[in-house]
């Protein structure tokens, strides 16, 4: 039996009422979905921007500190030439210039890494040879002893210069905190090479063992950059190790001092 005009009007009215009821719900649901998707999309961008702003602020502060010290030393000597101790000023300015150069080099490394412009070679590298070379380089200029009895052959695939930087950063960090001895181990384990650098210093609290690998981190905020390094060494170390498909961490099993452990895939 065919529908009458009244039936059609009633159906259209019912449909209109239904749409008027459902449309706000649908629109609200769509709005919530769009907000969720856009929020998830923008969150990494906002976090990246926040980290970049923080990095620039931290870098500016770290660069300003040695420049301020240099300017202050020179201004005092110029204002009181009769009391100036030029040899002491020269030593202070030179130390700050060296620290400034190290900081700039670290900043350039991180900037190139963040931009993805750092080339990574994959050559066979004898990790134990790098360690011995770096220990011999550092040993004459420090008072701590080095224990290298735990060195054995270990070969990885990687960039010699960047892996040398990893070893250098770990050794310099250990020397800064050691009371008397820095112990270095290199050995091959199933599928990987292990590099461990241990100092007999005060150690790192469990709550800070991850934070030490963040940029511009110094556990003792009262320490000067001259005494405590740039605050970028361990961050650069982790970045290089991860680019070599490895991992670096603070060994939680060490009771006294700090043991930094790097694990890298073995060559072959």
C-alpha atoms as a PDB file:
ATOM      1  CA  UNK A   1       0.000   0.000   0.000  1.00  0.00           C
ATOM      2  CA  UNK A   2       1.606   3.369  -1.033  1.00  0.00           C
ATOM      3  CA  UNK A   3       2.580   5.993   1.506  1.00  0.00           C
ATOM      4  CA  UNK A   4       0.427   9.102   1.741  1.00  0.00           C
ATOM      5  CA  UNK A   5       1.716  12.660   1.713  1.00  0.00           C
ATOM      6  CA  UNK A   6       1.067  12.906   5.438  1.00  0.00           C
ATOM      7  CA  UNK A   7       3.184   9.805   6.038  1.00  0.00           C
ATOM      8  CA  UNK A   8       6.044  11.330   4.075  1.00  0.00           C
ATOM      9  CA  UNK A   9       5.798  14.599   6.000  1.00  0.00           C
ATOM     10  CA  UNK A  10       5.809  12.707   9.280  1.00  0.00           C
ATOM     11  CA  UNK A  11       8.899  10.691   8.242  1.00  0.00           C
ATOM     12  CA  UNK A  12      10.754  13.818   7.188  1.00  0.00           C
ATOM     13  CA  UNK A  13       9.858  15.489  10.471  1.00  0.00           C
ATOM     14  CA  UNK A  14      11.055  12.501  12.454  1.00  0.00           C
ATOM     15  CA  UNK A  15      14.305  12.460  10.503  1.00  0.00           C
ATOM     16  CA  UNK A  16      14.796  16.188  11.125  1.00  0.00           C
ATOM     17  CA  UNK A  17      14.203  15.771  14.848  1.00  0.00           C
ATOM     18  CA  UNK A  18      16.628  12.872  14.953  1.00  0.00           C
ATOM     19  CA  UNK A  19      19.342  14.856  13.163  1.00  0.00           C
ATOM     20  CA  UNK A  20      18.828  17.832  15.459  1.00  0.00           C
ATOM     21  CA  UNK A  21      19.288  15.541  18.436  1.00  0.00           C
ATOM     22  CA  UNK A  22      22.248  13.586  17.117  1.00  0.00           C
ATOM     23  CA  UNK A  23      24.175  16.379  15.347  1.00  0.00           C
ATOM     24  CA  UNK A  24      25.482  18.076  18.533  1.00  0.00           C
ATOM     25  CA  UNK A  25      26.619  14.706  19.842  1.00  0.00           C
ATOM     26  CA  UNK A  26      28.323  13.866  16.545  1.00  0.00           C
ATOM     27  CA  UNK A  27      29.927  17.292  16.326  1.00  0.00           C
ATOM     28  CA  UNK A  28      31.154  17.028  19.908  1.00  0.00           C
ATOM     29  CA  UNK A  29      32.587  13.585  19.203  1.00  0.00           C
ATOM     30  CA  UNK A  30      34.288  14.829  16.044  1.00  0.00           C
ATOM     31  CA  UNK A  31      35.684  17.828  17.903  1.00  0.00           C
ATOM     32  CA  UNK A  32      37.048  15.584  20.635  1.00  0.00           C
ATOM     33  CA  UNK A  33      38.592  13.274  18.034  1.00  0.00           C
ATOM     34  CA  UNK A  34      40.211  16.165  16.189  1.00  0.00           C
ATOM     35  CA  UNK A  35      41.543  17.608  19.473  1.00  0.00           C
ATOM     36  CA  UNK A  36      42.974  14.213  20.421  1.00  0.00           C
ATOM     37  CA  UNK A  37      44.652  13.641  17.046  1.00  0.00           C
ATOM     38  CA  UNK A  38      46.014  17.183  16.765  1.00  0.00           C
ATOM     39  CA  UNK A  39      47.188  17.086  20.368  1.00  0.00           C
ATOM     40  CA  UNK A  40      49.076  13.838  19.810  1.00  0.00           C
ATOM     41  CA  UNK A  41      50.587  15.253  16.627  1.00  0.00           C
ATOM     42  CA  UNK A  42      51.685  18.559  18.144  1.00  0.00           C
ATOM     43  CA  UNK A  43      52.891  17.200  21.484  1.00  0.00           C
ATOM     44  CA  UNK A  44      56.252  15.939  20.127  1.00  0.00           C
ATOM     45  CA  UNK A  45      56.699  19.219  18.248  1.00  0.00           C
ATOM     46  CA  UNK A  46      55.972  21.254  21.375  1.00  0.00           C
ATOM     47  CA  UNK A  47      58.329  19.068  23.404  1.00  0.00           C
ATOM     48  CA  UNK A  48      61.055  19.463  20.765  1.00  0.00           C
ATOM     49  CA  UNK A  49      60.573  23.240  20.799  1.00  0.00           C
ATOM     50  CA  UNK A  50      60.683  23.290  24.601  1.00  0.00           C
ATOM     51  CA  UNK A  51      63.883  21.260  24.638  1.00  0.00           C
ATOM     52  CA  UNK A  52      65.416  23.498  21.976  1.00  0.00           C
ATOM     53  CA  UNK A  53      64.566  26.650  23.958  1.00  0.00           C
ATOM     54  CA  UNK A  54      65.992  25.083  27.111  1.00  0.00           C
ATOM     55  CA  UNK A  55      69.129  24.016  25.239  1.00  0.00           C
ATOM     56  CA  UNK A  56      69.679  27.545  23.900  1.00  0.00           C
ATOM     57  CA  UNK A  57      69.122  29.045  27.366  1.00  0.00           C
ATOM     58  CA  UNK A  58      71.521  26.576  28.995  1.00  0.00           C
ATOM     59  CA  UNK A  59      74.124  27.045  26.257  1.00  0.00           C
ATOM     60  CA  UNK A  60      73.930  30.824  26.598  1.00  0.00           C
ATOM     61  CA  UNK A  61      74.474  30.574  30.340  1.00  0.00           C
ATOM     62  CA  UNK A  62      77.410  28.192  29.981  1.00  0.00           C
ATOM     63  CA  UNK A  63      79.062  30.389  27.346  1.00  0.00           C
ATOM     64  CA  UNK A  64      78.512  33.537  29.400  1.00  0.00           C
ATOM     65  CA  UNK A  65      80.227  32.182  32.525  1.00  0.00           C
ATOM     66  CA  UNK A  66      83.815  31.797  31.203  1.00  0.00           C
ATOM     67  CA  UNK A  67      83.509  35.005  29.167  1.00  0.00           C
ATOM     68  CA  UNK A  68      82.442  36.885  32.300  1.00  0.00           C
ATOM     69  CA  UNK A  69      85.372  35.503  34.275  1.00  0.00           C
ATOM     70  CA  UNK A  70      87.827  36.443  31.511  1.00  0.00           C
ATOM     71  CA  UNK A  71      86.444  39.978  31.283  1.00  0.00           C
ATOM     72  CA  UNK A  72      86.510  40.426  35.063  1.00  0.00           C
ATOM     73  CA  UNK A  73      90.135  39.307  35.362  1.00  0.00           C
ATOM     74  CA  UNK A  74      91.248  41.659  32.586  1.00  0.00           C
ATOM     75  CA  UNK A  75      89.234  44.627  33.858  1.00  0.00           C
ATOM     76  CA  UNK A  76      90.701  44.261  37.365  1.00  0.00           C
ATOM     77  CA  UNK A  77      94.239  44.175  35.992  1.00  0.00           C
ATOM     78  CA  UNK A  78      93.607  47.210  33.804  1.00  0.00           C
ATOM     79  CA  UNK A  79      92.008  49.137  36.678  1.00  0.00           C
ATOM     80  CA  UNK A  80      94.879  48.332  39.072  1.00  0.00           C
ATOM     81  CA  UNK A  81      98.008  47.793  36.951  1.00  0.00           C
ATOM     82  CA  UNK A  82     100.267  48.353  39.970  1.00  0.00           C
ATOM     83  CA  UNK A  83      98.724  45.339  41.719  1.00  0.00           C
ATOM     84  CA  UNK A  84      98.196  43.141  38.663  1.00  0.00           C
ATOM     85  CA  UNK A  85      99.657  39.653  38.776  1.00  0.00           C
ATOM     86  CA  UNK A  86      99.949  39.029  35.063  1.00  0.00           C
ATOM     87  CA  UNK A  87     101.190  35.442  35.320  1.00  0.00           C
ATOM     88  CA  UNK A  88      98.184  34.461  37.474  1.00  0.00           C
ATOM     89  CA  UNK A  89      95.807  36.287  35.121  1.00  0.00           C
ATOM     90  CA  UNK A  90      97.325  34.551  32.115  1.00  0.00           C
ATOM     91  CA  UNK A  91      96.843  31.148  33.742  1.00  0.00           C
ATOM     92  CA  UNK A  92      93.222  31.917  34.666  1.00  0.00           C
ATOM     93  CA  UNK A  93      92.349  33.322  31.250  1.00  0.00           C
ATOM     94  CA  UNK A  94      94.017  30.389  29.501  1.00  0.00           C
ATOM     95  CA  UNK A  95      92.073  27.874  31.635  1.00  0.00           C
ATOM     96  CA  UNK A  96      88.811  29.644  30.832  1.00  0.00           C
ATOM     97  CA  UNK A  97      89.682  29.828  27.131  1.00  0.00           C
ATOM     98  CA  UNK A  98      90.358  26.070  27.084  1.00  0.00           C
ATOM     99  CA  UNK A  99      87.055  25.415  28.870  1.00  0.00           C
ATOM    100  CA  UNK A 100      85.274  27.711  26.414  1.00  0.00           C
ATOM    101  CA  UNK A 101      86.802  25.907  23.444  1.00  0.00           C
ATOM    102  CA  UNK A 102      85.732  22.520  24.845  1.00  0.00           C
ATOM    103  CA  UNK A 103      82.204  23.807  25.396  1.00  0.00           C
ATOM    104  CA  UNK A 104      81.951  25.213  21.863  1.00  0.00           C
ATOM    105  CA  UNK A 105      83.188  21.908  20.402  1.00  0.00           C
ATOM    106  CA  UNK A 106      80.601  19.987  22.434  1.00  0.00           C
ATOM    107  CA  UNK A 107      77.829  22.368  21.381  1.00  0.00           C
ATOM    108  CA  UNK A 108      78.804  22.045  17.718  1.00  0.00           C
ATOM    109  CA  UNK A 109      78.812  18.254  18.006  1.00  0.00           C
ATOM    110  CA  UNK A 110      75.306  18.218  19.495  1.00  0.00           C
ATOM    111  CA  UNK A 111      74.033  20.765  16.959  1.00  0.00           C
ATOM    112  CA  UNK A 112      75.296  18.633  14.058  1.00  0.00           C
ATOM    113  CA  UNK A 113      73.864  15.514  15.678  1.00  0.00           C
ATOM    114  CA  UNK A 114      70.448  17.120  16.189  1.00  0.00           C
ATOM    115  CA  UNK A 115      70.465  18.276  12.571  1.00  0.00           C
ATOM    116  CA  UNK A 116      71.375  14.777  11.393  1.00  0.00           C
ATOM    117  CA  UNK A 117      74.476  15.993   9.570  1.00  0.00           C
ATOM    118  CA  UNK A 118      77.063  13.937  11.477  1.00  0.00           C
ATOM    119  CA  UNK A 119      78.446  11.195   9.245  1.00  0.00           C
ATOM    120  CA  UNK A 120      79.070   7.833  10.912  1.00  0.00           C
ATOM    121  CA  UNK A 121      81.685   5.486   9.533  1.00  0.00           C
ATOM    122  CA  UNK A 122      81.518   1.734  10.050  1.00  0.00           C
ATOM    123  CA  UNK A 123      85.051   0.386  10.196  1.00  0.00           C
ATOM    124  CA  UNK A 124      86.573  -2.370  12.346  1.00  0.00           C
ATOM    125  CA  UNK A 125      87.812  -0.661  15.528  1.00  0.00           C
ATOM    126  CA  UNK A 126      89.969  -2.204  18.256  1.00  0.00           C
ATOM    127  CA  UNK A 127      88.383  -0.790  21.396  1.00  0.00           C
ATOM    128  CA  UNK A 128      91.286  -1.829  23.630  1.00  0.00           C
ATOM    129  CA  UNK A 129      93.763   0.108  21.461  1.00  0.00           C
ATOM    130  CA  UNK A 130      91.704   3.278  21.823  1.00  0.00           C
ATOM    131  CA  UNK A 131      91.556   2.843  25.598  1.00  0.00           C
ATOM    132  CA  UNK A 132      95.328   2.360  25.921  1.00  0.00           C
ATOM    133  CA  UNK A 133      96.010   5.421  23.754  1.00  0.00           C
ATOM    134  CA  UNK A 134      93.639   7.609  25.763  1.00  0.00           C
ATOM    135  CA  UNK A 135      94.949   6.383  29.125  1.00  0.00           C
ATOM    136  CA  UNK A 136      98.501   7.196  28.015  1.00  0.00           C
ATOM    137  CA  UNK A 137      97.325  10.654  26.932  1.00  0.00           C
ATOM    138  CA  UNK A 138      95.607  11.442  30.236  1.00  0.00           C
ATOM    139  CA  UNK A 139      97.989   9.747  32.682  1.00  0.00           C
ATOM    140  CA  UNK A 140     100.808  12.361  32.763  1.00  0.00           C
ATOM    141  CA  UNK A 141      98.448  15.240  33.612  1.00  0.00           C
ATOM    142  CA  UNK A 142      96.533  13.697  36.540  1.00  0.00           C
ATOM    143  CA  UNK A 143      97.345  12.443  40.013  1.00  0.00           C
ATOM    144  CA  UNK A 144      95.058   9.391  40.064  1.00  0.00           C
ATOM    145  CA  UNK A 145      96.311   5.923  39.160  1.00  0.00           C
ATOM    146  CA  UNK A 146      94.964   3.859  36.267  1.00  0.00           C
ATOM    147  CA  UNK A 147      94.270   0.148  36.567  1.00  0.00           C
ATOM    148  CA  UNK A 148      94.130  -1.426  33.092  1.00  0.00           C
ATOM    149  CA  UNK A 149      94.665  -5.045  34.132  1.00  0.00           C
ATOM    150  CA  UNK A 150      91.157  -5.843  32.903  1.00  0.00           C
ATOM    151  CA  UNK A 151      91.887  -4.937  29.280  1.00  0.00           C
ATOM    152  CA  UNK A 152      91.559  -7.600  26.632  1.00  0.00           C
ATOM    153  CA  UNK A 153      90.988  -7.556  22.874  1.00  0.00           C
ATOM    154  CA  UNK A 154      87.574  -6.376  21.673  1.00  0.00           C
ATOM    155  CA  UNK A 155      86.676  -5.259  18.167  1.00  0.00           C
ATOM    156  CA  UNK A 156      83.562  -3.357  17.122  1.00  0.00           C
ATOM    157  CA  UNK A 157      82.295  -1.756  13.925  1.00  0.00           C
ATOM    158  CA  UNK A 158      82.179   1.992  14.181  1.00  0.00           C
ATOM    159  CA  UNK A 159      83.690   5.415  13.787  1.00  0.00           C
ATOM    160  CA  UNK A 160      87.154   5.524  15.366  1.00  0.00           C
ATOM    161  CA  UNK A 161      87.074   9.259  16.123  1.00  0.00           C
ATOM    162  CA  UNK A 162      83.644   9.148  17.740  1.00  0.00           C
ATOM    163  CA  UNK A 163      84.438   6.037  19.790  1.00  0.00           C
ATOM    164  CA  UNK A 164      87.655   7.740  20.897  1.00  0.00           C
ATOM    165  CA  UNK A 165      85.492  10.621  22.114  1.00  0.00           C
ATOM    166  CA  UNK A 166      83.369   8.172  24.118  1.00  0.00           C
ATOM    167  CA  UNK A 167      86.443   6.746  25.836  1.00  0.00           C
ATOM    168  CA  UNK A 168      87.893  10.222  26.442  1.00  0.00           C
ATOM    169  CA  UNK A 169      84.656  11.524  27.950  1.00  0.00           C
ATOM    170  CA  UNK A 170      84.341   8.545  30.289  1.00  0.00           C
ATOM    171  CA  UNK A 171      87.978   8.763  31.395  1.00  0.00           C
ATOM    172  CA  UNK A 172      87.806  12.518  32.025  1.00  0.00           C
ATOM    173  CA  UNK A 173      84.569  12.107  33.949  1.00  0.00           C
ATOM    174  CA  UNK A 174      86.093   9.351  36.092  1.00  0.00           C
ATOM    175  CA  UNK A 175      89.287  11.333  36.738  1.00  0.00           C
ATOM    176  CA  UNK A 176      87.243  14.322  37.918  1.00  0.00           C
ATOM    177  CA  UNK A 177      85.518  12.262  40.593  1.00  0.00           C
ATOM    178  CA  UNK A 178      88.085   9.611  41.547  1.00  0.00           C
ATOM    179  CA  UNK A 179      89.824   9.783  44.906  1.00  0.00           C
ATOM    180  CA  UNK A 180      92.821   7.683  43.902  1.00  0.00           C
ATOM    181  CA  UNK A 181      92.136   5.138  41.135  1.00  0.00           C
ATOM    182  CA  UNK A 182      90.356   4.775  37.805  1.00  0.00           C
ATOM    183  CA  UNK A 183      89.847   1.212  36.602  1.00  0.00           C
ATOM    184  CA  UNK A 184      89.231   0.455  32.932  1.00  0.00           C
ATOM    185  CA  UNK A 185      87.950  -2.848  31.557  1.00  0.00           C
ATOM    186  CA  UNK A 186      87.464  -4.001  27.974  1.00  0.00           C
ATOM    187  CA  UNK A 187      86.384  -7.491  27.026  1.00  0.00           C
ATOM    188  CA  UNK A 188      84.294  -9.420  24.554  1.00  0.00           C
ATOM    189  CA  UNK A 189      81.054 -11.049  25.629  1.00  0.00           C
ATOM    190  CA  UNK A 190      78.597 -13.083  23.541  1.00  0.00           C
ATOM    191  CA  UNK A 191      77.585 -10.812  20.672  1.00  0.00           C
ATOM    192  CA  UNK A 192      78.943  -7.614  22.196  1.00  0.00           C
ATOM    193  CA  UNK A 193      81.978  -5.753  23.470  1.00  0.00           C
ATOM    194  CA  UNK A 194      81.987  -4.306  26.976  1.00  0.00           C
ATOM    195  CA  UNK A 195      83.798  -1.153  28.060  1.00  0.00           C
ATOM    196  CA  UNK A 196      83.651  -0.230  31.744  1.00  0.00           C
ATOM    197  CA  UNK A 197      85.236   2.775  33.468  1.00  0.00           C
ATOM    198  CA  UNK A 198      85.131   2.799  37.274  1.00  0.00           C
ATOM    199  CA  UNK A 199      86.205   5.489  39.720  1.00  0.00           C
ATOM    200  CA  UNK A 200      86.493   5.269  43.509  1.00  0.00           C
ATOM    201  CA  UNK A 201      84.802   8.619  44.081  1.00  0.00           C
ATOM    202  CA  UNK A 202      81.595   9.470  45.965  1.00  0.00           C
ATOM    203  CA  UNK A 203      79.313   7.685  43.501  1.00  0.00           C
ATOM    204  CA  UNK A 204      75.993   8.715  41.950  1.00  0.00           C
ATOM    205  CA  UNK A 205      72.709   8.507  43.879  1.00  0.00           C
ATOM    206  CA  UNK A 206      70.271   5.975  42.429  1.00  0.00           C
ATOM    207  CA  UNK A 207      67.772   8.743  41.663  1.00  0.00           C
ATOM    208  CA  UNK A 208      70.329  10.567  39.499  1.00  0.00           C
ATOM    209  CA  UNK A 209      71.747   7.673  37.463  1.00  0.00           C
ATOM    210  CA  UNK A 210      69.609   8.482  34.444  1.00  0.00           C
ATOM    211  CA  UNK A 211      69.759  12.266  34.744  1.00  0.00           C
ATOM    212  CA  UNK A 212      73.554  12.319  34.462  1.00  0.00           C
ATOM    213  CA  UNK A 213      73.139  11.554  30.747  1.00  0.00           C
ATOM    214  CA  UNK A 214      70.992  14.647  30.159  1.00  0.00           C
ATOM    215  CA  UNK A 215      72.528  17.762  28.685  1.00  0.00           C
ATOM    216  CA  UNK A 216      74.094  20.347  31.021  1.00  0.00           C
ATOM    217  CA  UNK A 217      73.720  18.096  34.053  1.00  0.00           C
ATOM    218  CA  UNK A 218      76.070  18.535  36.984  1.00  0.00           C
ATOM    219  CA  UNK A 219      75.026  16.762  40.148  1.00  0.00           C
ATOM    220  CA  UNK A 220      76.688  19.409  42.300  1.00  0.00           C
ATOM    221  CA  UNK A 221      75.225  22.689  41.075  1.00  0.00           C
ATOM    222  CA  UNK A 222      77.652  24.637  43.218  1.00  0.00           C
ATOM    223  CA  UNK A 223      80.632  23.366  41.243  1.00  0.00           C
ATOM    224  CA  UNK A 224      82.047  25.605  38.560  1.00  0.00           C
ATOM    225  CA  UNK A 225      82.183  24.575  34.927  1.00  0.00           C
ATOM    226  CA  UNK A 226      85.978  24.713  35.190  1.00  0.00           C
ATOM    227  CA  UNK A 227      85.927  22.028  37.888  1.00  0.00           C
ATOM    228  CA  UNK A 228      82.904  20.080  36.751  1.00  0.00           C
ATOM    229  CA  UNK A 229      83.300  19.940  32.976  1.00  0.00           C
ATOM    230  CA  UNK A 230      80.829  21.245  30.418  1.00  0.00           C
ATOM    231  CA  UNK A 231      77.914  19.114  31.579  1.00  0.00           C
ATOM    232  CA  UNK A 232      77.694  17.681  28.055  1.00  0.00           C
ATOM    233  CA  UNK A 233      80.248  14.863  28.084  1.00  0.00           C
ATOM    234  CA  UNK A 234      77.949  12.043  29.185  1.00  0.00           C
ATOM    235  CA  UNK A 235      75.102  13.309  26.984  1.00  0.00           C
ATOM    236  CA  UNK A 236      77.442  13.180  23.980  1.00  0.00           C
ATOM    237  CA  UNK A 237      78.686   9.761  25.082  1.00  0.00           C
ATOM    238  CA  UNK A 238      75.164   8.332  25.117  1.00  0.00           C
ATOM    239  CA  UNK A 239      74.328   9.926  21.764  1.00  0.00           C
ATOM    240  CA  UNK A 240      77.402   8.395  20.099  1.00  0.00           C
ATOM    241  CA  UNK A 241      76.907   4.981  21.702  1.00  0.00           C
ATOM    242  CA  UNK A 242      73.254   4.841  20.661  1.00  0.00           C
ATOM    243  CA  UNK A 243      74.186   5.754  17.086  1.00  0.00           C
ATOM    244  CA  UNK A 244      76.486   2.727  17.193  1.00  0.00           C
ATOM    245  CA  UNK A 245      73.485   0.569  18.223  1.00  0.00           C
ATOM    246  CA  UNK A 246      74.857   0.256  21.739  1.00  0.00           C
ATOM    247  CA  UNK A 247      73.909   1.317  25.255  1.00  0.00           C
ATOM    248  CA  UNK A 248      75.575   3.091  28.174  1.00  0.00           C
ATOM    249  CA  UNK A 249      74.441   3.129  31.780  1.00  0.00           C
ATOM    250  CA  UNK A 250      75.582   3.480  35.374  1.00  0.00           C
ATOM    251  CA  UNK A 251      76.106   0.061  36.907  1.00  0.00           C
ATOM    252  CA  UNK A 252      73.727  -0.122  39.896  1.00  0.00           C
ATOM    253  CA  UNK A 253      75.608  -3.056  41.442  1.00  0.00           C
ATOM    254  CA  UNK A 254      78.664  -1.002  42.409  1.00  0.00           C
ATOM    255  CA  UNK A 255      78.645  -0.139  46.087  1.00  0.00           C
ATOM    256  CA  UNK A 256      81.442   2.450  46.166  1.00  0.00           C
ATOM    257  CA  UNK A 257      82.266   4.900  43.401  1.00  0.00           C
ATOM    258  CA  UNK A 258      80.775   4.881  39.926  1.00  0.00           C
ATOM    259  CA  UNK A 259      81.038   2.298  37.156  1.00  0.00           C
ATOM    260  CA  UNK A 260      80.005   3.435  33.669  1.00  0.00           C
ATOM    261  CA  UNK A 261      79.311   0.518  31.337  1.00  0.00           C
ATOM    262  CA  UNK A 262      79.170   0.732  27.535  1.00  0.00           C
ATOM    263  CA  UNK A 263      77.954  -2.203  25.465  1.00  0.00           C
ATOM    264  CA  UNK A 264      78.498  -2.240  21.704  1.00  0.00           C
ATOM    265  CA  UNK A 265      77.804  -4.902  19.058  1.00  0.00           C
ATOM    266  CA  UNK A 266      80.918  -6.913  18.245  1.00  0.00           C
ATOM    267  CA  UNK A 267      82.417  -6.756  14.782  1.00  0.00           C
ATOM    268  CA  UNK A 268      81.601  -9.779  12.672  1.00  0.00           C
END
